[in-house]
Structure formats: C-alpha cells, structure tokens
Amino acid sequence: MQVSYKKLWKLLIDRDMRKQDLKEKAGISKGTITKLGKNQNVSTETLAKICAALECNIEDIVEFSTEEQRDNNV
C-alpha cells in the first residue's frame, strides 16, 4: 500500500500556508516534514497533530493506493 500526502500540500496551498507554518502550528519536526514530502510513513499521532492544527479530517490530507491502482493510473 502506497501513501500520498498530495492532499495535504494542496490544502496548505489553498490556505496560503508554508511547510514552516505547518511545522510550527502542528508542533512537528523538520524531519517529519521531509518524510511527508517524500510520501513516507509517519505515525498516526503525527497525522492527528496535523489534522488538529488544520482543523480537518485524515481523509483531507492522506490518500492510500495499492500498486494495482497506481499501475492503472500510469
């Protein structure tokens, strides 16, 4: 299963926020921002902090797909 945070980056753009703003508001590290940028796994606690900071739900910031779904989109 592949994780994508494209929705998170779109939400930040829509709210005119920078990654630095998210880092400060959610209380997450620069390393976590880097992991998010590389679509790497982060803890559910981290996702909960981001959702609380942005007042949104997890489905607003994360997408999950299988290899089959990715292959069909190519």
PDB file of N, CA and C in Angstrom:
ATOM      1  N   MET A   1       0.850  -1.178   0.000  1.00  0.00           N
ATOM      2  CA  MET A   1       0.000   0.000   0.000  1.00  0.00           C
ATOM      3  C   MET A   1       0.896   1.241   0.000  1.00  0.00           C
ATOM      4  N   GLN A   2       0.567   2.170  -0.859  1.00  0.00           N
ATOM      5  CA  GLN A   2       1.320   3.412  -1.009  1.00  0.00           C
ATOM      6  C   GLN A   2       0.537   4.558  -0.366  1.00  0.00           C
ATOM      7  N   VAL A   3       1.246   5.452   0.293  1.00  0.00           N
ATOM      8  CA  VAL A   3       0.624   6.616   0.906  1.00  0.00           C
ATOM      9  C   VAL A   3       1.029   7.857   0.117  1.00  0.00           C
ATOM     10  N   SER A   4       0.101   8.794  -0.005  1.00  0.00           N
ATOM     11  CA  SER A   4       0.382  10.053  -0.692  1.00  0.00           C
ATOM     12  C   SER A   4      -0.168  11.204   0.144  1.00  0.00           C
ATOM     13  N   TYR A   5       0.628  12.254   0.254  1.00  0.00           N
ATOM     14  CA  TYR A   5       0.210  13.441   1.001  1.00  0.00           C
ATOM     15  C   TYR A   5      -0.082  14.610   0.068  1.00  0.00           C
ATOM     16  N   LYS A   6      -0.400  14.331  -1.205  1.00  0.00           N
ATOM     17  CA  LYS A   6      -0.719  15.400  -2.164  1.00  0.00           C
ATOM     18  C   LYS A   6      -1.865  16.271  -1.663  1.00  0.00           C
ATOM     19  N   LYS A   7      -2.843  15.637  -1.025  1.00  0.00           N
ATOM     20  CA  LYS A   7      -3.978  16.396  -0.494  1.00  0.00           C
ATOM     21  C   LYS A   7      -3.525  17.397   0.571  1.00  0.00           C
ATOM     22  N   LEU A   8      -2.545  17.007   1.371  1.00  0.00           N
ATOM     23  CA  LEU A   8      -2.017  17.905   2.400  1.00  0.00           C
ATOM     24  C   LEU A   8      -1.398  19.132   1.754  1.00  0.00           C
ATOM     25  N   TRP A   9      -0.561  18.920   0.741  1.00  0.00           N
ATOM     26  CA  TRP A   9       0.115  20.055   0.099  1.00  0.00           C
ATOM     27  C   TRP A   9      -0.890  20.965  -0.602  1.00  0.00           C
ATOM     28  N   LYS A  10      -1.926  20.379  -1.193  1.00  0.00           N
ATOM     29  CA  LYS A  10      -2.963  21.194  -1.831  1.00  0.00           C
ATOM     30  C   LYS A  10      -3.709  22.016  -0.785  1.00  0.00           C
ATOM     31  N   LEU A  11      -3.993  21.398   0.358  1.00  0.00           N
ATOM     32  CA  LEU A  11      -4.684  22.102   1.434  1.00  0.00           C
ATOM     33  C   LEU A  11      -3.849  23.277   1.939  1.00  0.00           C
ATOM     34  N   LEU A  12      -2.544  23.065   2.079  1.00  0.00           N
ATOM     35  CA  LEU A  12      -1.668  24.160   2.511  1.00  0.00           C
ATOM     36  C   LEU A  12      -1.695  25.296   1.500  1.00  0.00           C
ATOM     37  N   ILE A  13      -1.644  24.964   0.219  1.00  0.00           N
ATOM     38  CA  ILE A  13      -1.700  25.996  -0.827  1.00  0.00           C
ATOM     39  C   ILE A  13      -3.019  26.749  -0.750  1.00  0.00           C
ATOM     40  N   ASP A  14      -4.117  26.013  -0.611  1.00  0.00           N
ATOM     41  CA  ASP A  14      -5.440  26.637  -0.534  1.00  0.00           C
ATOM     42  C   ASP A  14      -5.558  27.576   0.660  1.00  0.00           C
ATOM     43  N   ARG A  15      -4.835  27.258   1.724  1.00  0.00           N
ATOM     44  CA  ARG A  15      -4.886  28.084   2.939  1.00  0.00           C
ATOM     45  C   ARG A  15      -3.730  29.085   3.016  1.00  0.00           C
ATOM     46  N   ASP A  16      -2.967  29.167   1.936  1.00  0.00           N
ATOM     47  CA  ASP A  16      -1.834  30.090   1.854  1.00  0.00           C
ATOM     48  C   ASP A  16      -0.856  29.875   3.012  1.00  0.00           C
ATOM     49  N   MET A  17      -0.558  28.603   3.275  1.00  0.00           N
ATOM     50  CA  MET A  17       0.372  28.230   4.340  1.00  0.00           C
ATOM     51  C   MET A  17       1.629  27.624   3.744  1.00  0.00           C
ATOM     52  N   ARG A  18       2.731  27.813   4.432  1.00  0.00           N
ATOM     53  CA  ARG A  18       4.001  27.200   4.046  1.00  0.00           C
ATOM     54  C   ARG A  18       4.228  25.964   4.915  1.00  0.00           C
ATOM     55  N   LYS A  19       5.183  25.141   4.502  1.00  0.00           N
ATOM     56  CA  LYS A  19       5.544  23.968   5.305  1.00  0.00           C
ATOM     57  C   LYS A  19       6.020  24.402   6.685  1.00  0.00           C
ATOM     58  N   GLN A  20       6.740  25.506   6.741  1.00  0.00           N
ATOM     59  CA  GLN A  20       7.223  26.039   8.020  1.00  0.00           C
ATOM     60  C   GLN A  20       6.045  26.392   8.933  1.00  0.00           C
ATOM     61  N   ASP A  21       4.993  26.965   8.355  1.00  0.00           N
ATOM     62  CA  ASP A  21       3.796  27.297   9.137  1.00  0.00           C
ATOM     63  C   ASP A  21       3.168  26.030   9.723  1.00  0.00           C
ATOM     64  N   LEU A  22       3.085  24.989   8.902  1.00  0.00           N
ATOM     65  CA  LEU A  22       2.531  23.714   9.372  1.00  0.00           C
ATOM     66  C   LEU A  22       3.393  23.138  10.486  1.00  0.00           C
ATOM     67  N   LYS A  23       4.689  23.164  10.289  1.00  0.00           N
ATOM     68  CA  LYS A  23       5.637  22.644  11.283  1.00  0.00           C
ATOM     69  C   LYS A  23       5.403  23.304  12.639  1.00  0.00           C
ATOM     70  N   GLU A  24       5.294  24.615  12.635  1.00  0.00           N
ATOM     71  CA  GLU A  24       5.111  25.356  13.887  1.00  0.00           C
ATOM     72  C   GLU A  24       3.724  25.134  14.487  1.00  0.00           C
ATOM     73  N   LYS A  25       2.700  25.193  13.657  1.00  0.00           N
ATOM     74  CA  LYS A  25       1.325  25.078  14.154  1.00  0.00           C
ATOM     75  C   LYS A  25       1.021  23.679  14.693  1.00  0.00           C
ATOM     76  N   ALA A  26       1.555  22.647  14.023  1.00  0.00           N
ATOM     77  CA  ALA A  26       1.278  21.264  14.430  1.00  0.00           C
ATOM     78  C   ALA A  26       2.292  20.740  15.442  1.00  0.00           C
ATOM     79  N   GLY A  27       3.402  21.456  15.623  1.00  0.00           N
ATOM     80  CA  GLY A  27       4.427  21.000  16.561  1.00  0.00           C
ATOM     81  C   GLY A  27       5.147  19.757  16.076  1.00  0.00           C
ATOM     82  N   ILE A  28       5.451  19.725  14.777  1.00  0.00           N
ATOM     83  CA  ILE A  28       6.167  18.582  14.216  1.00  0.00           C
ATOM     84  C   ILE A  28       7.553  19.022  13.759  1.00  0.00           C
ATOM     85  N   SER A  29       8.438  18.067  13.574  1.00  0.00           N
ATOM     86  CA  SER A  29       9.834  18.378  13.252  1.00  0.00           C
ATOM     87  C   SER A  29      10.047  18.581  11.753  1.00  0.00           C
ATOM     88  N   LYS A  30      11.193  19.166  11.442  1.00  0.00           N
ATOM     89  CA  LYS A  30      11.587  19.340  10.043  1.00  0.00           C
ATOM     90  C   LYS A  30      11.738  17.975   9.369  1.00  0.00           C
ATOM     91  N   GLY A  31      12.245  16.998  10.113  1.00  0.00           N
ATOM     92  CA  GLY A  31      12.392  15.643   9.590  1.00  0.00           C
ATOM     93  C   GLY A  31      11.057  15.031   9.194  1.00  0.00           C
ATOM     94  N   THR A  32      10.031  15.321   9.969  1.00  0.00           N
ATOM     95  CA  THR A  32       8.694  14.822   9.651  1.00  0.00           C
ATOM     96  C   THR A  32       8.169  15.474   8.380  1.00  0.00           C
ATOM     97  N   ILE A  33       8.408  16.767   8.235  1.00  0.00           N
ATOM     98  CA  ILE A  33       8.008  17.469   7.010  1.00  0.00           C
ATOM     99  C   ILE A  33       8.707  16.835   5.805  1.00  0.00           C
ATOM    100  N   THR A  34       9.984  16.491   5.979  1.00  0.00           N
ATOM    101  CA  THR A  34      10.745  15.840   4.909  1.00  0.00           C
ATOM    102  C   THR A  34      10.129  14.494   4.553  1.00  0.00           C
ATOM    103  N   LYS A  35       9.773  13.701   5.574  1.00  0.00           N
ATOM    104  CA  LYS A  35       9.135  12.400   5.329  1.00  0.00           C
ATOM    105  C   LYS A  35       7.820  12.576   4.572  1.00  0.00           C
ATOM    106  N   LEU A  36       7.038  13.560   4.971  1.00  0.00           N
ATOM    107  CA  LEU A  36       5.773  13.826   4.292  1.00  0.00           C
ATOM    108  C   LEU A  36       6.023  14.196   2.829  1.00  0.00           C
ATOM    109  N   GLY A  37       7.051  14.994   2.601  1.00  0.00           N
ATOM    110  CA  GLY A  37       7.394  15.409   1.245  1.00  0.00           C
ATOM    111  C   GLY A  37       7.820  14.259   0.356  1.00  0.00           C
ATOM    112  N   LYS A  38       8.336  13.197   0.974  1.00  0.00           N
ATOM    113  CA  LYS A  38       8.776  12.009   0.229  1.00  0.00           C
ATOM    114  C   LYS A  38       7.719  10.905   0.243  1.00  0.00           C
ATOM    115  N   ASN A  39       6.515  11.230   0.730  1.00  0.00           N
ATOM    116  CA  ASN A  39       5.420  10.253   0.843  1.00  0.00           C
ATOM    117  C   ASN A  39       5.822   9.027   1.645  1.00  0.00           C
ATOM    118  N   GLN A  40       6.608   9.252   2.700  1.00  0.00           N
ATOM    119  CA  GLN A  40       6.994   8.166   3.593  1.00  0.00           C
ATOM    120  C   GLN A  40       5.996   8.086   4.746  1.00  0.00           C
ATOM    121  N   ASN A  41       5.961   6.931   5.392  1.00  0.00           N
ATOM    122  CA  ASN A  41       5.040   6.737   6.507  1.00  0.00           C
ATOM    123  C   ASN A  41       5.428   7.601   7.697  1.00  0.00           C
ATOM    124  N   VAL A  42       4.415   8.161   8.339  1.00  0.00           N
ATOM    125  CA  VAL A  42       4.585   8.873   9.605  1.00  0.00           C
ATOM    126  C   VAL A  42       3.565   8.291  10.579  1.00  0.00           C
ATOM    127  N   SER A  43       3.734   8.570  11.850  1.00  0.00           N
ATOM    128  CA  SER A  43       2.858   7.977  12.862  1.00  0.00           C
ATOM    129  C   SER A  43       1.446   8.560  12.796  1.00  0.00           C
ATOM    130  N   THR A  44       0.502   7.790  13.306  1.00  0.00           N
ATOM    131  CA  THR A  44      -0.871   8.287  13.373  1.00  0.00           C
ATOM    132  C   THR A  44      -0.956   9.472  14.327  1.00  0.00           C
ATOM    133  N   GLU A  45      -0.096   9.497  15.332  1.00  0.00           N
ATOM    134  CA  GLU A  45      -0.051  10.644  16.242  1.00  0.00           C
ATOM    135  C   GLU A  45       0.315  11.914  15.471  1.00  0.00           C
ATOM    136  N   THR A  46       1.280  11.804  14.568  1.00  0.00           N
ATOM    137  CA  THR A  46       1.681  12.950  13.752  1.00  0.00           C
ATOM    138  C   THR A  46       0.532  13.398  12.860  1.00  0.00           C
ATOM    139  N   LEU A  47      -0.137  12.452  12.231  1.00  0.00           N
ATOM    140  CA  LEU A  47      -1.274  12.800  11.377  1.00  0.00           C
ATOM    141  C   LEU A  47      -2.384  13.462  12.191  1.00  0.00           C
ATOM    142  N   ALA A  48      -2.594  12.988  13.416  1.00  0.00           N
ATOM    143  CA  ALA A  48      -3.603  13.584  14.291  1.00  0.00           C
ATOM    144  C   ALA A  48      -3.230  15.022  14.652  1.00  0.00           C
ATOM    145  N   LYS A  49      -1.949  15.281  14.907  1.00  0.00           N
ATOM    146  CA  LYS A  49      -1.486  16.643  15.204  1.00  0.00           C
ATOM    147  C   LYS A  49      -1.736  17.571  14.018  1.00  0.00           C
ATOM    148  N   ILE A  50      -1.447  17.068  12.822  1.00  0.00           N
ATOM    149  CA  ILE A  50      -1.652  17.871  11.612  1.00  0.00           C
ATOM    150  C   ILE A  50      -3.138  18.168  11.425  1.00  0.00           C
ATOM    151  N   CYS A  51      -3.969  17.150  11.600  1.00  0.00           N
ATOM    152  CA  CYS A  51      -5.412  17.338  11.462  1.00  0.00           C
ATOM    153  C   CYS A  51      -5.948  18.337  12.486  1.00  0.00           C
ATOM    154  N   ALA A  52      -5.463  18.254  13.707  1.00  0.00           N
ATOM    155  CA  ALA A  52      -5.900  19.191  14.742  1.00  0.00           C
ATOM    156  C   ALA A  52      -5.469  20.613  14.391  1.00  0.00           C
ATOM    157  N   ALA A  53      -4.241  20.757  13.924  1.00  0.00           N
ATOM    158  CA  ALA A  53      -3.718  22.079  13.576  1.00  0.00           C
ATOM    159  C   ALA A  53      -4.471  22.690  12.399  1.00  0.00           C
ATOM    160  N   LEU A  54      -4.851  21.860  11.443  1.00  0.00           N
ATOM    161  CA  LEU A  54      -5.534  22.350  10.240  1.00  0.00           C
ATOM    162  C   LEU A  54      -7.055  22.260  10.343  1.00  0.00           C
ATOM    163  N   GLU A  55      -7.539  21.714  11.466  1.00  0.00           N
ATOM    164  CA  GLU A  55      -8.971  21.528  11.691  1.00  0.00           C
ATOM    165  C   GLU A  55      -9.608  20.789  10.511  1.00  0.00           C
ATOM    166  N   CYS A  56      -9.061  19.605  10.247  1.00  0.00           N
ATOM    167  CA  CYS A  56      -9.551  18.790   9.137  1.00  0.00           C
ATOM    168  C   CYS A  56      -9.548  17.325   9.550  1.00  0.00           C
ATOM    169  N   ASN A  57     -10.003  16.468   8.676  1.00  0.00           N
ATOM    170  CA  ASN A  57     -10.012  15.023   8.904  1.00  0.00           C
ATOM    171  C   ASN A  57      -8.863  14.380   8.154  1.00  0.00           C
ATOM    172  N   ILE A  58      -8.496  13.177   8.560  1.00  0.00           N
ATOM    173  CA  ILE A  58      -7.352  12.497   7.952  1.00  0.00           C
ATOM    174  C   ILE A  58      -7.544  12.293   6.448  1.00  0.00           C
ATOM    175  N   GLU A  59      -8.779  12.040   6.023  1.00  0.00           N
ATOM    176  CA  GLU A  59      -9.002  11.834   4.589  1.00  0.00           C
ATOM    177  C   GLU A  59      -8.809  13.114   3.777  1.00  0.00           C
ATOM    178  N   ASP A  60      -8.721  14.255   4.472  1.00  0.00           N
ATOM    179  CA  ASP A  60      -8.453  15.526   3.798  1.00  0.00           C
ATOM    180  C   ASP A  60      -6.973  15.722   3.491  1.00  0.00           C
ATOM    181  N   ILE A  61      -6.106  14.901   4.103  1.00  0.00           N
ATOM    182  CA  ILE A  61      -4.660  15.106   3.925  1.00  0.00           C
ATOM    183  C   ILE A  61      -3.907  13.886   3.414  1.00  0.00           C
ATOM    184  N   VAL A  62      -4.535  12.707   3.449  1.00  0.00           N
ATOM    185  CA  VAL A  62      -3.836  11.470   3.086  1.00  0.00           C
ATOM    186  C   VAL A  62      -4.661  10.678   2.074  1.00  0.00           C
ATOM    187  N   GLU A  63      -3.958  10.075   1.112  1.00  0.00           N
ATOM    188  CA  GLU A  63      -4.576   9.127   0.188  1.00  0.00           C
ATOM    189  C   GLU A  63      -3.782   7.835   0.241  1.00  0.00           C
ATOM    190  N   PHE A  64      -4.483   6.720   0.208  1.00  0.00           N
ATOM    191  CA  PHE A  64      -3.839   5.415   0.162  1.00  0.00           C
ATOM    192  C   PHE A  64      -4.183   4.760  -1.168  1.00  0.00           C
ATOM    193  N   SER A  65      -3.211   4.096  -1.763  1.00  0.00           N
ATOM    194  CA  SER A  65      -3.472   3.368  -3.004  1.00  0.00           C
ATOM    195  C   SER A  65      -2.648   2.087  -3.013  1.00  0.00           C
ATOM    196  N   THR A  66      -3.153   1.113  -3.746  1.00  0.00           N
ATOM    197  CA  THR A  66      -2.418  -0.137  -3.917  1.00  0.00           C
ATOM    198  C   THR A  66      -1.546  -0.016  -5.158  1.00  0.00           C
ATOM    199  N   GLU A  67      -0.623  -0.943  -5.319  1.00  0.00           N
ATOM    200  CA  GLU A  67       0.229  -0.944  -6.516  1.00  0.00           C
ATOM    201  C   GLU A  67      -0.629  -1.068  -7.770  1.00  0.00           C
ATOM    202  N   GLU A  68      -1.687  -1.856  -7.693  1.00  0.00           N
ATOM    203  CA  GLU A  68      -2.572  -2.048  -8.845  1.00  0.00           C
ATOM    204  C   GLU A  68      -3.237  -0.727  -9.245  1.00  0.00           C
ATOM    205  N   GLN A  69      -3.696   0.036  -8.257  1.00  0.00           N
ATOM    206  CA  GLN A  69      -4.316   1.329  -8.544  1.00  0.00           C
ATOM    207  C   GLN A  69      -3.308   2.283  -9.176  1.00  0.00           C
ATOM    208  N   ARG A  70      -2.075   2.279  -8.666  1.00  0.00           N
ATOM    209  CA  ARG A  70      -1.026   3.143  -9.227  1.00  0.00           C
ATOM    210  C   ARG A  70      -0.727   2.752 -10.658  1.00  0.00           C
ATOM    211  N   ASP A  71      -0.631   1.451 -10.924  1.00  0.00           N
ATOM    212  CA  ASP A  71      -0.332   0.969 -12.273  1.00  0.00           C
ATOM    213  C   ASP A  71      -1.427   1.362 -13.262  1.00  0.00           C
ATOM    214  N   ASN A  72      -2.667   1.356 -12.818  1.00  0.00           N
ATOM    215  CA  ASN A  72      -3.782   1.727 -13.690  1.00  0.00           C
ATOM    216  C   ASN A  72      -3.806   3.216 -13.997  1.00  0.00           C
ATOM    217  N   ASN A  73      -3.184   4.027 -13.145  1.00  0.00           N
ATOM    218  CA  ASN A  73      -3.151   5.473 -13.350  1.00  0.00           C
ATOM    219  C   ASN A  73      -2.004   5.917 -14.235  1.00  0.00           C
ATOM    220  N   VAL A  74      -1.094   5.013 -14.567  1.00  0.00           N
ATOM    221  CA  VAL A  74       0.075   5.374 -15.379  1.00  0.00           C
ATOM    222  C   VAL A  74      -0.273   5.477 -16.829  1.00  0.00           C
TER     223      VAL A  74
END
